[in-house]
Amino acid sequence: MIERATKECEGLEQIHLTVVSNNKSAKRLYVSLGFEVYGVEPYALKSDEQYFDEDLMILRL
């Protein structure tokens, strides 16, 4: 998908995503693809009265 994005979006310099901070398997996947955490958004999601932080991630191309 990243390769496709770089081919179809001329001039693309970076890709951003968010992931729930305690989702270790998703974070491992994104890190393996080259993404880095650059910040955290506290209380970003609420589900059944429970709040979840999100890690903000970036891949610089």
N, C-alpha and C. Protein backbone atom coordinates (compact mmCIF):
# COMPACT_ATOMS: atom_id res chain seq x y z
N MET A 1 0.81 -1.19 0.00
CA MET A 1 0.00 0.00 0.00
C MET A 1 0.86 1.26 0.00
N ILE A 2 1.95 1.25 0.76
CA ILE A 2 2.84 2.41 0.82
C ILE A 2 3.46 2.64 -0.55
N GLU A 3 3.91 1.57 -1.17
CA GLU A 3 4.51 1.69 -2.50
C GLU A 3 3.51 2.25 -3.50
N ARG A 4 2.28 1.79 -3.43
CA ARG A 4 1.23 2.28 -4.33
C ARG A 4 0.98 3.78 -4.10
N ALA A 5 0.93 4.18 -2.84
CA ALA A 5 0.69 5.58 -2.51
C ALA A 5 1.79 6.46 -3.08
N THR A 6 3.04 6.02 -2.97
CA THR A 6 4.15 6.84 -3.46
C THR A 6 4.14 6.94 -4.98
N LYS A 7 3.65 5.90 -5.64
CA LYS A 7 3.57 5.93 -7.10
C LYS A 7 2.42 6.81 -7.60
N GLU A 8 1.29 6.75 -6.89
CA GLU A 8 0.10 7.45 -7.35
C GLU A 8 0.00 8.89 -6.85
N CYS A 9 0.76 9.24 -5.84
CA CYS A 9 0.69 10.59 -5.26
C CYS A 9 2.04 11.26 -5.42
N GLU A 10 2.25 11.84 -6.57
CA GLU A 10 3.53 12.50 -6.86
C GLU A 10 3.81 13.57 -5.81
N GLY A 11 5.02 13.57 -5.31
CA GLY A 11 5.42 14.57 -4.32
C GLY A 11 5.09 14.20 -2.88
N LEU A 12 4.51 13.03 -2.67
CA LEU A 12 4.18 12.59 -1.32
C LEU A 12 5.46 12.49 -0.49
N GLU A 13 5.48 13.14 0.65
CA GLU A 13 6.68 13.18 1.48
C GLU A 13 6.54 12.43 2.79
N GLN A 14 5.30 12.27 3.28
CA GLN A 14 5.11 11.57 4.55
C GLN A 14 3.69 11.03 4.65
N ILE A 15 3.54 10.00 5.48
CA ILE A 15 2.24 9.38 5.75
C ILE A 15 2.04 9.39 7.26
N HIS A 16 0.85 9.80 7.70
CA HIS A 16 0.51 9.84 9.12
C HIS A 16 -0.55 8.78 9.41
N LEU A 17 -0.52 8.25 10.63
CA LEU A 17 -1.58 7.38 11.10
C LEU A 17 -1.69 7.49 12.60
N THR A 18 -2.80 7.01 13.14
CA THR A 18 -2.96 6.91 14.59
C THR A 18 -3.29 5.47 14.94
N VAL A 19 -2.86 5.06 16.11
CA VAL A 19 -3.11 3.70 16.59
C VAL A 19 -3.32 3.77 18.10
N VAL A 20 -4.26 2.99 18.60
CA VAL A 20 -4.50 2.95 20.04
C VAL A 20 -3.19 2.55 20.73
N SER A 21 -2.80 3.32 21.71
CA SER A 21 -1.49 3.18 22.33
C SER A 21 -1.19 1.79 22.88
N ASN A 22 -2.20 1.08 23.38
CA ASN A 22 -1.95 -0.23 23.95
C ASN A 22 -2.13 -1.37 22.94
N ASN A 23 -2.27 -1.05 21.66
CA ASN A 23 -2.38 -2.07 20.61
C ASN A 23 -0.96 -2.44 20.14
N LYS A 24 -0.32 -3.27 20.93
CA LYS A 24 1.10 -3.61 20.70
C LYS A 24 1.34 -4.26 19.35
N SER A 25 0.47 -5.16 18.92
CA SER A 25 0.71 -5.86 17.65
C SER A 25 0.62 -4.91 16.46
N ALA A 26 -0.33 -3.99 16.48
CA ALA A 26 -0.45 -3.02 15.38
C ALA A 26 0.76 -2.09 15.38
N LYS A 27 1.19 -1.65 16.55
CA LYS A 27 2.35 -0.76 16.63
C LYS A 27 3.61 -1.46 16.12
N ARG A 28 3.78 -2.74 16.45
CA ARG A 28 4.93 -3.51 15.95
C ARG A 28 4.92 -3.56 14.43
N LEU A 29 3.74 -3.78 13.86
CA LEU A 29 3.61 -3.81 12.40
C LEU A 29 4.02 -2.48 11.80
N TYR A 30 3.48 -1.38 12.31
CA TYR A 30 3.78 -0.07 11.76
C TYR A 30 5.26 0.28 11.91
N VAL A 31 5.85 -0.05 13.05
CA VAL A 31 7.28 0.21 13.24
C VAL A 31 8.09 -0.62 12.24
N SER A 32 7.68 -1.85 11.99
CA SER A 32 8.41 -2.68 11.02
C SER A 32 8.35 -2.11 9.61
N LEU A 33 7.34 -1.28 9.34
CA LEU A 33 7.20 -0.62 8.04
C LEU A 33 7.93 0.72 8.00
N GLY A 34 8.50 1.12 9.14
CA GLY A 34 9.28 2.35 9.17
C GLY A 34 8.61 3.52 9.86
N PHE A 35 7.39 3.36 10.37
CA PHE A 35 6.70 4.44 11.07
C PHE A 35 7.35 4.68 12.42
N GLU A 36 7.29 5.93 12.89
CA GLU A 36 7.80 6.32 14.20
C GLU A 36 6.73 7.08 14.95
N VAL A 37 6.67 6.87 16.27
CA VAL A 37 5.75 7.64 17.12
C VAL A 37 6.33 9.04 17.30
N TYR A 38 5.48 10.06 17.08
CA TYR A 38 5.93 11.43 17.30
C TYR A 38 5.09 12.16 18.34
N GLY A 39 4.08 11.48 18.88
CA GLY A 39 3.26 12.10 19.90
C GLY A 39 2.16 11.17 20.36
N VAL A 40 1.45 11.60 21.40
CA VAL A 40 0.34 10.84 21.95
C VAL A 40 -0.84 11.78 22.14
N GLU A 41 -2.00 11.32 21.74
CA GLU A 41 -3.23 12.08 22.00
C GLU A 41 -3.98 11.38 23.13
N PRO A 42 -3.95 11.97 24.32
CA PRO A 42 -4.62 11.34 25.45
C PRO A 42 -6.14 11.35 25.28
N TYR A 43 -6.77 10.30 25.76
CA TYR A 43 -8.23 10.20 25.74
C TYR A 43 -8.82 10.41 24.35
N ALA A 44 -8.15 9.89 23.33
CA ALA A 44 -8.57 10.12 21.95
C ALA A 44 -9.85 9.37 21.59
N LEU A 45 -10.04 8.20 22.19
CA LEU A 45 -11.22 7.39 21.89
C LEU A 45 -11.95 7.03 23.19
N LYS A 46 -13.27 6.90 23.08
CA LYS A 46 -14.05 6.46 24.23
C LYS A 46 -14.96 5.33 23.78
N SER A 47 -14.91 4.23 24.51
CA SER A 47 -15.75 3.07 24.20
C SER A 47 -16.26 2.49 25.51
N ASP A 48 -17.56 2.40 25.65
CA ASP A 48 -18.15 1.85 26.87
C ASP A 48 -17.60 2.51 28.13
N GLU A 49 -17.56 3.81 28.13
CA GLU A 49 -17.10 4.61 29.27
C GLU A 49 -15.62 4.45 29.59
N GLN A 50 -14.86 3.82 28.68
CA GLN A 50 -13.41 3.70 28.88
C GLN A 50 -12.71 4.53 27.81
N TYR A 51 -11.70 5.28 28.24
CA TYR A 51 -10.94 6.11 27.32
C TYR A 51 -9.65 5.41 26.90
N PHE A 52 -9.21 5.71 25.68
CA PHE A 52 -7.98 5.14 25.14
C PHE A 52 -7.14 6.25 24.53
N ASP A 53 -5.84 6.21 24.81
CA ASP A 53 -4.91 7.13 24.18
C ASP A 53 -4.57 6.61 22.78
N GLU A 54 -4.17 7.51 21.90
CA GLU A 54 -3.69 7.11 20.58
C GLU A 54 -2.28 7.63 20.36
N ASP A 55 -1.44 6.78 19.79
CA ASP A 55 -0.11 7.20 19.37
C ASP A 55 -0.22 7.79 17.96
N LEU A 56 0.42 8.91 17.75
CA LEU A 56 0.49 9.54 16.45
C LEU A 56 1.78 9.06 15.80
N MET A 57 1.68 8.53 14.58
CA MET A 57 2.83 7.94 13.93
C MET A 57 3.04 8.56 12.55
N ILE A 58 4.29 8.57 12.12
CA ILE A 58 4.65 9.17 10.84
C ILE A 58 5.67 8.28 10.12
N LEU A 59 5.53 8.25 8.82
CA LEU A 59 6.52 7.61 7.96
C LEU A 59 7.00 8.67 6.98
N ARG A 60 8.26 9.05 7.10
CA ARG A 60 8.83 10.02 6.17
C ARG A 60 9.37 9.26 4.98
N LEU A 61 8.98 9.67 3.79
CA LEU A 61 9.37 8.94 2.58
C LEU A 61 10.62 9.51 1.93
